[in-house]
Amino acid sequence: IGDGLYGVDLKMIDGKVYVVEVNDNPNIDDGIED
């Protein structure tokens, strides 16, 4: 996608990793992501 700020959503099932999507503008909230 690029070199910006992203949140990549993935699922790990039976040892395999699936990319769900790449999000720009990911959540960064007090007490959660930090």
PDB file of all heavy atoms in Angstrom:
ATOM      1  N   ILE A   1       0.834  -1.209   0.000  1.00  0.00           N
ATOM      2  CA  ILE A   1       0.000   0.000   0.000  1.00  0.00           C
ATOM      3  C   ILE A   1       0.866   1.255   0.000  1.00  0.00           C
ATOM      4  O   ILE A   1       0.614   2.208  -0.721  1.00  0.00           O
ATOM      5  CB  ILE A   1      -0.942   0.015   1.222  1.00  0.00           C
ATOM      6  CG1 ILE A   1      -1.813  -1.246   1.243  1.00  0.00           C
ATOM      7  CG2 ILE A   1      -1.799   1.265   1.225  1.00  0.00           C
ATOM      8  CD1 ILE A   1      -2.723  -1.398   0.041  1.00  0.00           C
ATOM      9  N   GLY A   2       1.910   1.285   0.824  1.00  0.00           N
ATOM     10  CA  GLY A   2       2.766   2.462   0.906  1.00  0.00           C
ATOM     11  C   GLY A   2       3.644   2.401   2.136  1.00  0.00           C
ATOM     12  O   GLY A   2       3.934   1.316   2.668  1.00  0.00           O
ATOM     13  N   ASP A   3       4.072   3.564   2.625  1.00  0.00           N
ATOM     14  CA  ASP A   3       4.929   3.607   3.810  1.00  0.00           C
ATOM     15  C   ASP A   3       4.315   4.472   4.909  1.00  0.00           C
ATOM     16  O   ASP A   3       5.022   4.984   5.771  1.00  0.00           O
ATOM     17  CB  ASP A   3       6.320   4.134   3.456  1.00  0.00           C
ATOM     18  CG  ASP A   3       6.294   5.578   2.954  1.00  0.00           C
ATOM     19  OD1 ASP A   3       5.183   6.119   2.761  1.00  0.00           O
ATOM     20  OD2 ASP A   3       7.374   6.169   2.775  1.00  0.00           O
ATOM     21  N   GLY A   4       2.995   4.636   4.871  1.00  0.00           N
ATOM     22  CA  GLY A   4       2.315   5.489   5.843  1.00  0.00           C
ATOM     23  C   GLY A   4       1.973   4.771   7.125  1.00  0.00           C
ATOM     24  O   GLY A   4       2.638   3.821   7.539  1.00  0.00           O
ATOM     25  N   LEU A   5       0.914   5.244   7.772  1.00  0.00           N
ATOM     26  CA  LEU A   5       0.414   4.665   9.016  1.00  0.00           C
ATOM     27  C   LEU A   5      -0.760   3.760   8.676  1.00  0.00           C
ATOM     28  O   LEU A   5      -1.778   4.231   8.171  1.00  0.00           O
ATOM     29  CB  LEU A   5      -0.023   5.777   9.969  1.00  0.00           C
ATOM     30  CG  LEU A   5      -0.701   5.359  11.278  1.00  0.00           C
ATOM     31  CD1 LEU A   5       0.230   4.517  12.151  1.00  0.00           C
ATOM     32  CD2 LEU A   5      -1.199   6.577  12.036  1.00  0.00           C
ATOM     33  N   TYR A   6      -0.630   2.468   8.962  1.00  0.00           N
ATOM     34  CA  TYR A   6      -1.662   1.504   8.587  1.00  0.00           C
ATOM     35  C   TYR A   6      -1.980   0.571   9.757  1.00  0.00           C
ATOM     36  O   TYR A   6      -1.169   0.364  10.663  1.00  0.00           O
ATOM     37  CB  TYR A   6      -1.212   0.640   7.400  1.00  0.00           C
ATOM     38  CG  TYR A   6      -0.734   1.424   6.211  1.00  0.00           C
ATOM     39  CD1 TYR A   6       0.602   1.399   5.823  1.00  0.00           C
ATOM     40  CD2 TYR A   6      -1.621   2.211   5.478  1.00  0.00           C
ATOM     41  CE1 TYR A   6       1.045   2.135   4.734  1.00  0.00           C
ATOM     42  CE2 TYR A   6      -1.188   2.947   4.385  1.00  0.00           C
ATOM     43  CZ  TYR A   6       0.152   2.906   4.026  1.00  0.00           C
ATOM     44  OH  TYR A   6       0.581   3.640   2.953  1.00  0.00           O
ATOM     45  N   GLY A   7      -3.188   0.009   9.695  1.00  0.00           N
ATOM     46  CA  GLY A   7      -3.564  -1.070  10.593  1.00  0.00           C
ATOM     47  C   GLY A   7      -3.900  -2.285   9.740  1.00  0.00           C
ATOM     48  O   GLY A   7      -4.843  -2.233   8.940  1.00  0.00           O
ATOM     49  N   VAL A   8      -3.128  -3.336   9.866  1.00  0.00           N
ATOM     50  CA  VAL A   8      -3.339  -4.530   9.049  1.00  0.00           C
ATOM     51  C   VAL A   8      -4.129  -5.544   9.862  1.00  0.00           C
ATOM     52  O   VAL A   8      -3.706  -5.938  10.955  1.00  0.00           O
ATOM     53  CB  VAL A   8      -2.000  -5.140   8.589  1.00  0.00           C
ATOM     54  CG1 VAL A   8      -2.250  -6.305   7.631  1.00  0.00           C
ATOM     55  CG2 VAL A   8      -1.125  -4.085   7.924  1.00  0.00           C
ATOM     56  N   ASP A   9      -5.278  -5.964   9.336  1.00  0.00           N
ATOM     57  CA  ASP A   9      -6.125  -6.947  10.005  1.00  0.00           C
ATOM     58  C   ASP A   9      -5.858  -8.331   9.424  1.00  0.00           C
ATOM     59  O   ASP A   9      -5.863  -8.509   8.192  1.00  0.00           O
ATOM     60  CB  ASP A   9      -7.604  -6.593   9.818  1.00  0.00           C
ATOM     61  CG  ASP A   9      -7.982  -5.319  10.564  1.00  0.00           C
ATOM     62  OD1 ASP A   9      -7.209  -4.902  11.443  1.00  0.00           O
ATOM     63  OD2 ASP A   9      -9.032  -4.737  10.252  1.00  0.00           O
ATOM     64  N   LEU A  10      -5.622  -9.292  10.321  1.00  0.00           N
ATOM     65  CA  LEU A  10      -5.286 -10.643   9.891  1.00  0.00           C
ATOM     66  C   LEU A  10      -5.993 -11.667  10.769  1.00  0.00           C
ATOM     67  O   LEU A  10      -6.334 -11.388  11.929  1.00  0.00           O
ATOM     68  CB  LEU A  10      -3.767 -10.892   9.973  1.00  0.00           C
ATOM     69  CG  LEU A  10      -2.833  -9.818   9.406  1.00  0.00           C
ATOM     70  CD1 LEU A  10      -2.277  -8.957  10.534  1.00  0.00           C
ATOM     71  CD2 LEU A  10      -1.691 -10.449   8.618  1.00  0.00           C
ATOM     72  N   LYS A  11      -6.194 -12.851  10.226  1.00  0.00           N
ATOM     73  CA  LYS A  11      -6.702 -13.994  10.983  1.00  0.00           C
ATOM     74  C   LYS A  11      -5.668 -15.111  10.922  1.00  0.00           C
ATOM     75  O   LYS A  11      -5.072 -15.351   9.860  1.00  0.00           O
ATOM     76  CB  LYS A  11      -8.022 -14.502  10.396  1.00  0.00           C
ATOM     77  CG  LYS A  11      -9.216 -13.583  10.597  1.00  0.00           C
ATOM     78  CD  LYS A  11     -10.463 -14.179   9.967  1.00  0.00           C
ATOM     79  CE  LYS A  11     -11.678 -13.263  10.134  1.00  0.00           C
ATOM     80  NZ  LYS A  11     -12.161 -13.236  11.531  1.00  0.00           N
ATOM     81  N   MET A  12      -5.459 -15.770  12.048  1.00  0.00           N
ATOM     82  CA  MET A  12      -4.573 -16.938  12.080  1.00  0.00           C
ATOM     83  C   MET A  12      -5.413 -18.148  12.420  1.00  0.00           C
ATOM     84  O   MET A  12      -5.970 -18.256  13.516  1.00  0.00           O
ATOM     85  CB  MET A  12      -3.447 -16.748  13.095  1.00  0.00           C
ATOM     86  CG  MET A  12      -2.389 -17.834  13.035  1.00  0.00           C
ATOM     87  SD  MET A  12      -0.940 -17.454  14.060  1.00  0.00           S
ATOM     88  CE  MET A  12       0.123 -18.832  13.638  1.00  0.00           C
ATOM     89  N   ILE A  13      -5.552 -19.052  11.458  1.00  0.00           N
ATOM     90  CA  ILE A  13      -6.400 -20.235  11.612  1.00  0.00           C
ATOM     91  C   ILE A  13      -5.600 -21.461  11.195  1.00  0.00           C
ATOM     92  O   ILE A  13      -5.081 -21.511  10.064  1.00  0.00           O
ATOM     93  CB  ILE A  13      -7.681 -20.112  10.752  1.00  0.00           C
ATOM     94  CG1 ILE A  13      -8.471 -18.854  11.168  1.00  0.00           C
ATOM     95  CG2 ILE A  13      -8.547 -21.359  10.883  1.00  0.00           C
ATOM     96  CD1 ILE A  13      -9.646 -18.557  10.263  1.00  0.00           C
ATOM     97  N   ASP A  14      -5.482 -22.416  12.118  1.00  0.00           N
ATOM     98  CA  ASP A  14      -4.751 -23.670  11.854  1.00  0.00           C
ATOM     99  C   ASP A  14      -3.350 -23.396  11.321  1.00  0.00           C
ATOM    100  O   ASP A  14      -2.877 -24.054  10.374  1.00  0.00           O
ATOM    101  CB  ASP A  14      -5.529 -24.541  10.853  1.00  0.00           C
ATOM    102  CG  ASP A  14      -6.894 -24.967  11.388  1.00  0.00           C
ATOM    103  OD1 ASP A  14      -7.022 -25.101  12.626  1.00  0.00           O
ATOM    104  OD2 ASP A  14      -7.815 -25.143  10.576  1.00  0.00           O
ATOM    105  N   GLY A  15      -2.684 -22.423  11.900  1.00  0.00           N
ATOM    106  CA  GLY A  15      -1.309 -22.129  11.528  1.00  0.00           C
ATOM    107  C   GLY A  15      -1.148 -21.290  10.277  1.00  0.00           C
ATOM    108  O   GLY A  15      -0.026 -20.900   9.922  1.00  0.00           O
ATOM    109  N   LYS A  16      -2.243 -20.992   9.596  1.00  0.00           N
ATOM    110  CA  LYS A  16      -2.185 -20.174   8.391  1.00  0.00           C
ATOM    111  C   LYS A  16      -2.634 -18.746   8.714  1.00  0.00           C
ATOM    112  O   LYS A  16      -3.561 -18.552   9.499  1.00  0.00           O
ATOM    113  CB  LYS A  16      -3.074 -20.753   7.294  1.00  0.00           C
ATOM    114  CG  LYS A  16      -2.615 -22.107   6.774  1.00  0.00           C
ATOM    115  CD  LYS A  16      -3.542 -22.585   5.660  1.00  0.00           C
ATOM    116  CE  LYS A  16      -3.087 -23.927   5.097  1.00  0.00           C
ATOM    117  NZ  LYS A  16      -3.992 -24.394   4.013  1.00  0.00           N
ATOM    118  N   VAL A  17      -1.984 -17.782   8.073  1.00  0.00           N
ATOM    119  CA  VAL A  17      -2.312 -16.375   8.317  1.00  0.00           C
ATOM    120  C   VAL A  17      -2.973 -15.797   7.072  1.00  0.00           C
ATOM    121  O   VAL A  17      -2.415 -15.854   5.972  1.00  0.00           O
ATOM    122  CB  VAL A  17      -1.057 -15.558   8.672  1.00  0.00           C
ATOM    123  CG1 VAL A  17      -1.411 -14.084   8.847  1.00  0.00           C
ATOM    124  CG2 VAL A  17      -0.420 -16.102   9.942  1.00  0.00           C
ATOM    125  N   TYR A  18      -4.170 -15.250   7.260  1.00  0.00           N
ATOM    126  CA  TYR A  18      -4.941 -14.657   6.177  1.00  0.00           C
ATOM    127  C   TYR A  18      -4.978 -13.140   6.368  1.00  0.00           C
ATOM    128  O   TYR A  18      -5.288 -12.659   7.465  1.00  0.00           O
ATOM    129  CB  TYR A  18      -6.383 -15.185   6.170  1.00  0.00           C
ATOM    130  CG  TYR A  18      -6.504 -16.678   5.978  1.00  0.00           C
ATOM    131  CD1 TYR A  18      -6.332 -17.556   7.048  1.00  0.00           C
ATOM    132  CD2 TYR A  18      -6.816 -17.211   4.728  1.00  0.00           C
ATOM    133  CE1 TYR A  18      -6.456 -18.924   6.877  1.00  0.00           C
ATOM    134  CE2 TYR A  18      -6.956 -18.574   4.544  1.00  0.00           C
ATOM    135  CZ  TYR A  18      -6.772 -19.432   5.627  1.00  0.00           C
ATOM    136  OH  TYR A  18      -6.905 -20.788   5.449  1.00  0.00           O
ATOM    137  N   VAL A  19      -4.702 -12.406   5.305  1.00  0.00           N
ATOM    138  CA  VAL A  19      -4.839 -10.942   5.353  1.00  0.00           C
ATOM    139  C   VAL A  19      -6.297 -10.597   5.081  1.00  0.00           C
ATOM    140  O   VAL A  19      -6.830 -10.923   4.019  1.00  0.00           O
ATOM    141  CB  VAL A  19      -3.937 -10.252   4.314  1.00  0.00           C
ATOM    142  CG1 VAL A  19      -4.123  -8.729   4.382  1.00  0.00           C
ATOM    143  CG2 VAL A  19      -2.482 -10.609   4.549  1.00  0.00           C
ATOM    144  N   VAL A  20      -6.937  -9.952   6.024  1.00  0.00           N
ATOM    145  CA  VAL A  20      -8.322  -9.522   5.838  1.00  0.00           C
ATOM    146  C   VAL A  20      -8.336  -8.207   5.059  1.00  0.00           C
ATOM    147  O   VAL A  20      -9.012  -8.075   4.041  1.00  0.00           O
ATOM    148  CB  VAL A  20      -9.048  -9.370   7.189  1.00  0.00           C
ATOM    149  CG1 VAL A  20     -10.470  -8.862   6.976  1.00  0.00           C
ATOM    150  CG2 VAL A  20      -9.040 -10.700   7.939  1.00  0.00           C
ATOM    151  N   GLU A  21      -7.565  -7.222   5.531  1.00  0.00           N
ATOM    152  CA  GLU A  21      -7.470  -5.943   4.832  1.00  0.00           C
ATOM    153  C   GLU A  21      -6.405  -5.079   5.477  1.00  0.00           C
ATOM    154  O   GLU A  21      -5.982  -5.319   6.610  1.00  0.00           O
ATOM    155  CB  GLU A  21      -8.808  -5.197   4.840  1.00  0.00           C
ATOM    156  CG  GLU A  21      -9.312  -4.836   6.216  1.00  0.00           C
ATOM    157  CD  GLU A  21     -10.714  -4.226   6.180  1.00  0.00           C
ATOM    158  OE1 GLU A  21     -11.244  -4.033   5.081  1.00  0.00           O
ATOM    159  OE2 GLU A  21     -11.254  -3.950   7.257  1.00  0.00           O
ATOM    160  N   VAL A  22      -5.979  -4.076   4.727  1.00  0.00           N
ATOM    161  CA  VAL A  22      -5.097  -3.040   5.263  1.00  0.00           C
ATOM    162  C   VAL A  22      -5.919  -1.760   5.370  1.00  0.00           C
ATOM    163  O   VAL A  22      -6.555  -1.338   4.412  1.00  0.00           O
ATOM    164  CB  VAL A  22      -3.873  -2.803   4.354  1.00  0.00           C
ATOM    165  CG1 VAL A  22      -2.999  -1.679   4.919  1.00  0.00           C
ATOM    166  CG2 VAL A  22      -3.057  -4.075   4.209  1.00  0.00           C
ATOM    167  N   ASN A  23      -5.903  -1.154   6.551  1.00  0.00           N
ATOM    168  CA  ASN A  23      -6.673   0.065   6.807  1.00  0.00           C
ATOM    169  C   ASN A  23      -5.735   1.266   6.914  1.00  0.00           C
ATOM    170  O   ASN A  23      -4.733   1.212   7.633  1.00  0.00           O
ATOM    171  CB  ASN A  23      -7.446  -0.052   8.124  1.00  0.00           C
ATOM    172  CG  ASN A  23      -8.398  -1.228   8.125  1.00  0.00           C
ATOM    173  OD1 ASN A  23      -9.506  -1.157   7.617  1.00  0.00           O
ATOM    174  ND2 ASN A  23      -7.960  -2.351   8.706  1.00  0.00           N
ATOM    175  N   ASP A  24      -6.056   2.328   6.203  1.00  0.00           N
ATOM    176  CA  ASP A  24      -5.407   3.590   6.514  1.00  0.00           C
ATOM    177  C   ASP A  24      -6.120   4.153   7.749  1.00  0.00           C
ATOM    178  O   ASP A  24      -7.171   3.664   8.152  1.00  0.00           O
ATOM    179  CB  ASP A  24      -5.509   4.566   5.337  1.00  0.00           C
ATOM    180  CG  ASP A  24      -6.938   5.033   5.086  1.00  0.00           C
ATOM    181  OD1 ASP A  24      -7.833   4.180   4.923  1.00  0.00           O
ATOM    182  OD2 ASP A  24      -7.159   6.240   5.029  1.00  0.00           O
ATOM    183  N   ASN A  25      -5.520   5.166   8.362  1.00  0.00           N
ATOM    184  CA  ASN A  25      -6.182   5.839   9.476  1.00  0.00           C
ATOM    185  C   ASN A  25      -6.606   4.894  10.605  1.00  0.00           C
ATOM    186  O   ASN A  25      -7.748   4.924  11.056  1.00  0.00           O
ATOM    187  CB  ASN A  25      -7.408   6.587   8.918  1.00  0.00           C
ATOM    188  CG  ASN A  25      -7.772   7.802   9.750  1.00  0.00           C
ATOM    189  OD1 ASN A  25      -8.696   7.758  10.536  1.00  0.00           O
ATOM    190  ND2 ASN A  25      -7.040   8.872   9.584  1.00  0.00           N
ATOM    191  N   PRO A  26      -5.713   4.020  11.056  1.00  0.00           N
ATOM    192  CA  PRO A  26      -6.120   3.038  12.078  1.00  0.00           C
ATOM    193  C   PRO A  26      -6.435   3.694  13.415  1.00  0.00           C
ATOM    194  O   PRO A  26      -5.927   4.779  13.728  1.00  0.00           O
ATOM    195  CB  PRO A  26      -4.887   2.138  12.202  1.00  0.00           C
ATOM    196  CG  PRO A  26      -3.754   3.029  11.835  1.00  0.00           C
ATOM    197  CD  PRO A  26      -4.281   3.924  10.750  1.00  0.00           C
ATOM    198  N   ASN A  27      -7.255   3.036  14.200  1.00  0.00           N
ATOM    199  CA  ASN A  27      -7.578   3.540  15.537  1.00  0.00           C
ATOM    200  C   ASN A  27      -6.327   3.642  16.398  1.00  0.00           C
ATOM    201  O   ASN A  27      -5.509   2.721  16.442  1.00  0.00           O
ATOM    202  CB  ASN A  27      -8.570   2.604  16.233  1.00  0.00           C
ATOM    203  CG  ASN A  27      -9.985   2.854  15.781  1.00  0.00           C
ATOM    204  OD1 ASN A  27     -10.342   2.507  14.658  1.00  0.00           O
ATOM    205  ND2 ASN A  27     -10.785   3.458  16.630  1.00  0.00           N
ATOM    206  N   ILE A  28      -6.183   4.766  17.078  1.00  0.00           N
ATOM    207  CA  ILE A  28      -5.172   4.926  18.118  1.00  0.00           C
ATOM    208  C   ILE A  28      -5.867   5.647  19.257  1.00  0.00           C
ATOM    209  O   ILE A  28      -6.102   6.858  19.210  1.00  0.00           O
ATOM    210  CB  ILE A  28      -3.953   5.715  17.620  1.00  0.00           C
ATOM    211  CG1 ILE A  28      -3.241   4.915  16.534  1.00  0.00           C
ATOM    212  CG2 ILE A  28      -3.002   6.010  18.779  1.00  0.00           C
ATOM    213  CD1 ILE A  28      -2.084   5.620  15.902  1.00  0.00           C
ATOM    214  N   ASP A  29      -6.249   4.877  20.261  1.00  0.00           N
ATOM    215  CA  ASP A  29      -7.021   5.417  21.377  1.00  0.00           C
ATOM    216  C   ASP A  29      -6.271   5.267  22.687  1.00  0.00           C
ATOM    217  O   ASP A  29      -5.486   4.323  22.874  1.00  0.00           O
ATOM    218  CB  ASP A  29      -8.377   4.707  21.478  1.00  0.00           C
ATOM    219  CG  ASP A  29      -9.385   5.235  20.464  1.00  0.00           C
ATOM    220  OD1 ASP A  29      -9.491   6.460  20.340  1.00  0.00           O
ATOM    221  OD2 ASP A  29     -10.048   4.413  19.810  1.00  0.00           O
ATOM    222  N   ASP A  30      -6.542   6.172  23.587  1.00  0.00           N
ATOM    223  CA  ASP A  30      -5.944   6.139  24.919  1.00  0.00           C
ATOM    224  C   ASP A  30      -6.357   4.866  25.646  1.00  0.00           C
ATOM    225  O   ASP A  30      -7.543   4.518  25.692  1.00  0.00           O
ATOM    226  CB  ASP A  30      -6.398   7.370  25.711  1.00  0.00           C
ATOM    227  CG  ASP A  30      -5.917   7.344  27.147  1.00  0.00           C
ATOM    228  OD1 ASP A  30      -4.694   7.381  27.342  1.00  0.00           O
ATOM    229  OD2 ASP A  30      -6.768   7.270  28.053  1.00  0.00           O
ATOM    230  N   GLY A  31      -5.377   4.148  26.169  1.00  0.00           N
ATOM    231  CA  GLY A  31      -5.656   2.947  26.954  1.00  0.00           C
ATOM    232  C   GLY A  31      -5.859   1.691  26.132  1.00  0.00           C
ATOM    233  O   GLY A  31      -6.030   0.607  26.694  1.00  0.00           O
ATOM    234  N   ILE A  32      -5.852   1.804  24.808  1.00  0.00           N
ATOM    235  CA  ILE A  32      -6.031   0.603  23.964  1.00  0.00           C
ATOM    236  C   ILE A  32      -4.758   0.392  23.151  1.00  0.00           C
ATOM    237  O   ILE A  32      -3.854  -0.324  23.575  1.00  0.00           O
ATOM    238  CB  ILE A  32      -7.277   0.726  23.068  1.00  0.00           C
ATOM    239  CG1 ILE A  32      -8.522   0.939  23.945  1.00  0.00           C
ATOM    240  CG2 ILE A  32      -7.448  -0.530  22.209  1.00  0.00           C
ATOM    241  CD1 ILE A  32      -9.812   1.101  23.168  1.00  0.00           C
ATOM    242  N   GLU A  33      -4.665   1.019  21.980  1.00  0.00           N
ATOM    243  CA  GLU A  33      -3.486   0.806  21.134  1.00  0.00           C
ATOM    244  C   GLU A  33      -2.197   1.275  21.805  1.00  0.00           C
ATOM    245  O   GLU A  33      -1.114   0.777  21.486  1.00  0.00           O
ATOM    246  CB  GLU A  33      -3.673   1.510  19.789  1.00  0.00           C
ATOM    247  CG  GLU A  33      -4.645   0.831  18.847  1.00  0.00           C
ATOM    248  CD  GLU A  33      -6.102   1.085  19.191  1.00  0.00           C
ATOM    249  OE1 GLU A  33      -6.375   1.997  20.022  1.00  0.00           O
ATOM    250  OE2 GLU A  33      -6.960   0.390  18.636  1.00  0.00           O
ATOM    251  N   ASP A  34      -2.290   2.235  22.745  1.00  0.00           N
ATOM    252  CA  ASP A  34      -1.078   2.732  23.407  1.00  0.00           C
ATOM    253  C   ASP A  34      -0.799   2.024  24.732  1.00  0.00           C
ATOM    254  O   ASP A  34       0.059   2.469  25.502  1.00  0.00           O
ATOM    255  CB  ASP A  34      -1.179   4.246  23.629  1.00  0.00           C
ATOM    256  CG  ASP A  34      -2.262   4.622  24.658  1.00  0.00           C
ATOM    257  OD1 ASP A  34      -2.944   3.719  25.182  1.00  0.00           O
ATOM    258  OD2 ASP A  34      -2.424   5.829  24.930  1.00  0.00           O
TER     259      ASP A  34
END
